[in-house]
Amino acid sequence: MKQSDAIRRLAEFDMKGRYVYSSKDLPKLFPEESERSRQATVSRLVSSGILERPSKGVYVYKLSRHRGADLLERVAKTLRRGEYNYISLESALSEYGVISQVPVGRITVVTTGRKGEYQTPYGVIEFTHTKRSVTDILAGATDRGHPLRIATKETALRDLKRVGRNTHLIDPEEAGA
């Protein structure tokens, strides 16, 4: 596929707010190409700076008009697509003012998927696995209009204790204890 056609296709998806892709999305993005041709197109787009690969299997359209502060969350959601994921632990507690330190360039995500840590150009994503039920997860996290839900203050505190993280940064007054 010609690069101009590929950019046009990416721009069309960008108009719909879609600019972060997994490698499994690529056949839908370029359906008329064979696997080999698609890989060559994606390699050319990465080489020319049109696509960026922040992590294995994830691509970001660098010319997107929608790129914003939630890009790291979009990458996290793409890395664990098909799983239940929400912002919790230190990231959530920092937003609620329960811990004084603000994790800069790092998000802590609780997931039903695999645990792991990913270094990306946008920051670090730390996944912590949970065996909690979907009902429990949905009840303990709220939608705030971002790609990922956020744990309630109580859920984030419970998660922090459950996974055995350091609790010495918690402000007891803010935590409600």
Protein backbone atom coordinates (compact mmCIF):
# COMPACT_ATOMS: atom_id res chain seq x y z
CA MET A 1 0.00 0.00 0.00
CA LYS A 2 1.24 3.45 -0.81
CA GLN A 3 2.19 5.48 2.22
CA SER A 4 -0.22 8.28 1.27
CA ASP A 5 -3.10 5.77 1.17
CA ALA A 6 -2.09 4.34 4.55
CA ILE A 7 -1.93 7.84 6.07
CA ARG A 8 -5.35 8.62 4.63
CA ARG A 9 -6.74 5.43 6.21
CA LEU A 10 -5.16 6.26 9.58
CA ALA A 11 -6.58 9.80 9.36
CA GLU A 12 -10.07 8.39 8.72
CA PHE A 13 -9.85 6.28 11.87
CA ASP A 14 -8.41 9.25 13.76
CA MET A 15 -11.49 11.30 12.83
CA LYS A 16 -13.48 8.67 14.76
CA GLY A 17 -11.16 9.02 17.76
CA ARG A 18 -9.22 5.83 17.08
CA TYR A 19 -5.44 6.25 17.05
CA VAL A 20 -4.03 3.47 19.26
CA TYR A 21 -3.94 0.00 17.70
CA SER A 22 -2.88 -3.48 18.67
CA SER A 23 -1.16 -5.68 16.12
CA LYS A 24 -4.46 -7.62 15.95
CA ASP A 25 -6.19 -4.43 14.71
CA LEU A 26 -3.93 -4.09 11.68
CA PRO A 27 -5.83 -6.57 9.47
CA LYS A 28 -8.97 -4.46 10.05
CA LEU A 29 -7.04 -1.28 9.31
CA PHE A 30 -5.52 -2.61 6.09
CA PRO A 31 -7.87 -5.45 5.07
CA GLU A 32 -6.89 -5.56 1.39
CA GLU A 33 -3.26 -6.40 2.14
CA SER A 34 -1.67 -9.78 2.72
CA GLU A 35 0.06 -10.36 6.05
CA ARG A 36 3.48 -9.85 4.50
CA SER A 37 2.45 -6.67 2.67
CA ARG A 38 0.78 -5.35 5.84
CA GLN A 39 3.95 -5.90 7.86
CA ALA A 40 5.96 -4.02 5.23
CA THR A 41 3.48 -1.13 5.27
CA VAL A 42 3.57 -0.91 9.06
CA SER A 43 7.40 -1.05 9.07
CA ARG A 44 7.52 1.82 6.57
CA LEU A 45 5.03 3.84 8.63
CA VAL A 46 7.10 3.29 11.80
CA SER A 47 10.36 4.17 10.00
CA SER A 48 8.88 7.38 8.63
CA GLY A 49 7.48 8.45 12.03
CA ILE A 50 3.81 8.12 11.10
CA LEU A 51 3.26 5.25 13.52
CA GLU A 52 5.05 4.81 16.81
CA ARG A 53 5.48 1.50 18.58
CA PRO A 54 5.46 2.33 22.32
CA SER A 55 5.38 -1.35 23.27
CA LYS A 56 5.46 -4.67 21.47
CA GLY A 57 2.18 -5.18 19.66
CA VAL A 58 0.92 -1.59 20.14
CA TYR A 59 1.00 1.23 17.60
CA VAL A 60 0.10 4.91 17.98
CA TYR A 61 -0.75 7.18 15.05
CA LYS A 62 1.64 10.08 15.76
CA LEU A 63 -0.25 12.57 13.58
CA SER A 64 -3.48 12.11 15.54
CA ARG A 65 -5.49 15.19 16.40
CA HIS A 66 -6.82 13.44 19.49
CA ARG A 67 -3.60 12.62 21.30
CA GLY A 68 -3.82 13.93 24.82
CA ALA A 69 -3.13 13.40 28.47
CA ASP A 70 -4.89 10.02 28.46
CA LEU A 71 -2.54 8.41 25.91
CA LEU A 72 -0.80 6.25 28.51
CA GLU A 73 -4.19 4.89 29.62
CA ARG A 74 -5.11 4.14 25.99
CA VAL A 75 -1.88 2.19 25.55
CA ALA A 76 -2.57 0.29 28.81
CA LYS A 77 -6.10 -0.53 27.67
CA THR A 78 -4.76 -1.77 24.33
CA LEU A 79 -2.11 -3.93 26.02
CA ARG A 80 -4.80 -5.68 28.10
CA ARG A 81 -7.74 -5.51 25.70
CA GLY A 82 -10.37 -8.09 26.56
CA GLU A 83 -9.58 -7.88 30.27
CA TYR A 84 -11.08 -5.74 33.02
CA ASN A 85 -8.66 -2.95 33.92
CA TYR A 86 -8.88 0.06 36.21
CA ILE A 87 -6.57 2.70 37.69
CA SER A 88 -5.88 1.86 41.34
CA LEU A 89 -3.16 1.63 43.98
CA GLU A 90 -0.81 4.64 44.10
CA SER A 91 -2.21 6.32 40.97
CA ALA A 92 -5.78 6.40 42.30
CA LEU A 93 -4.77 7.27 45.84
CA SER A 94 -2.67 10.15 44.56
CA GLU A 95 -5.68 11.50 42.61
CA TYR A 96 -7.79 11.32 45.78
CA GLY A 97 -5.07 13.06 47.82
CA VAL A 98 -4.65 10.05 50.12
CA ILE A 99 -0.93 9.84 49.42
CA SER A 100 1.21 12.92 49.08
CA GLN A 101 3.45 11.71 46.29
CA VAL A 102 2.21 12.03 42.74
CA PRO A 103 3.45 9.23 40.46
CA VAL A 104 4.85 11.20 37.51
CA GLY A 105 5.00 9.35 34.20
CA ARG A 106 3.64 6.16 35.75
CA ILE A 107 0.21 4.58 36.14
CA THR A 108 -0.73 1.63 38.32
CA VAL A 109 -3.46 -0.52 36.80
CA VAL A 110 -5.26 -3.48 38.36
CA THR A 111 -6.21 -6.05 35.72
CA THR A 112 -7.80 -9.45 35.34
CA GLY A 113 -5.01 -10.09 32.82
CA ARG A 114 -1.32 -10.78 33.34
CA LYS A 115 0.77 -8.67 35.68
CA GLY A 116 3.72 -6.83 34.19
CA GLU A 117 5.51 -3.55 33.74
CA TYR A 118 5.89 -1.73 30.44
CA GLN A 119 8.28 1.12 29.72
CA THR A 120 6.82 3.35 26.99
CA PRO A 121 7.82 6.75 25.60
CA TYR A 122 4.78 8.16 27.43
CA GLY A 123 5.52 6.65 30.84
CA VAL A 124 5.52 3.38 32.74
CA ILE A 125 2.47 1.15 32.97
CA GLU A 126 2.42 -1.25 35.90
CA PHE A 127 -0.22 -3.99 35.77
CA THR A 128 -1.15 -5.86 38.95
CA HIS A 129 -3.29 -8.98 38.55
CA THR A 130 -6.51 -9.45 40.50
CA LYS A 131 -8.80 -12.45 40.89
CA ARG A 132 -11.72 -10.27 41.96
CA SER A 133 -15.03 -10.94 40.22
CA VAL A 134 -16.25 -8.70 37.41
CA THR A 135 -19.19 -7.64 39.60
CA ASP A 136 -16.80 -6.66 42.38
CA ILE A 137 -14.54 -4.77 39.96
CA LEU A 138 -17.42 -2.80 38.42
CA ALA A 139 -18.85 -1.96 41.85
CA GLY A 140 -15.48 -0.69 43.10
CA ALA A 141 -14.48 1.47 40.12
CA THR A 142 -16.11 4.49 38.54
CA ASP A 143 -16.15 5.87 35.02
CA ARG A 144 -14.57 9.31 34.87
CA GLY A 145 -14.66 9.81 31.12
CA HIS A 146 -11.13 8.45 30.57
CA PRO A 147 -10.17 5.24 28.78
CA LEU A 148 -9.84 3.39 32.10
CA ARG A 149 -12.16 3.40 35.08
CA ILE A 150 -10.71 4.48 38.45
CA ALA A 151 -11.02 2.64 41.73
CA THR A 152 -13.02 4.32 44.47
CA LYS A 153 -10.89 5.54 47.37
CA GLU A 154 -11.98 2.54 49.46
CA THR A 155 -11.22 0.06 46.67
CA ALA A 156 -7.78 1.60 46.00
CA LEU A 157 -6.91 1.36 49.72
CA ARG A 158 -8.15 -2.25 49.83
CA ASP A 159 -6.14 -3.09 46.67
CA LEU A 160 -2.99 -1.51 48.13
CA LYS A 161 -3.28 -3.61 51.28
CA ARG A 162 -4.35 -6.74 49.38
CA VAL A 163 -1.25 -6.75 47.15
CA GLY A 164 1.06 -5.99 50.09
CA ARG A 165 2.25 -2.57 48.94
CA ASN A 166 3.85 -0.03 51.24
CA THR A 167 1.19 1.89 53.17
CA HIS A 168 3.45 4.38 54.97
CA LEU A 169 2.62 7.19 52.48
CA ILE A 170 -1.10 7.07 53.32
CA ASP A 171 -2.46 10.18 55.05
CA PRO A 172 -4.82 8.69 57.68
CA GLU A 173 -7.02 11.81 57.68
CA GLU A 174 -7.52 11.72 53.91
CA ALA A 175 -8.02 7.95 53.95
CA GLY A 176 -10.88 8.33 56.40
CA ALA A 177 -9.24 6.10 58.98
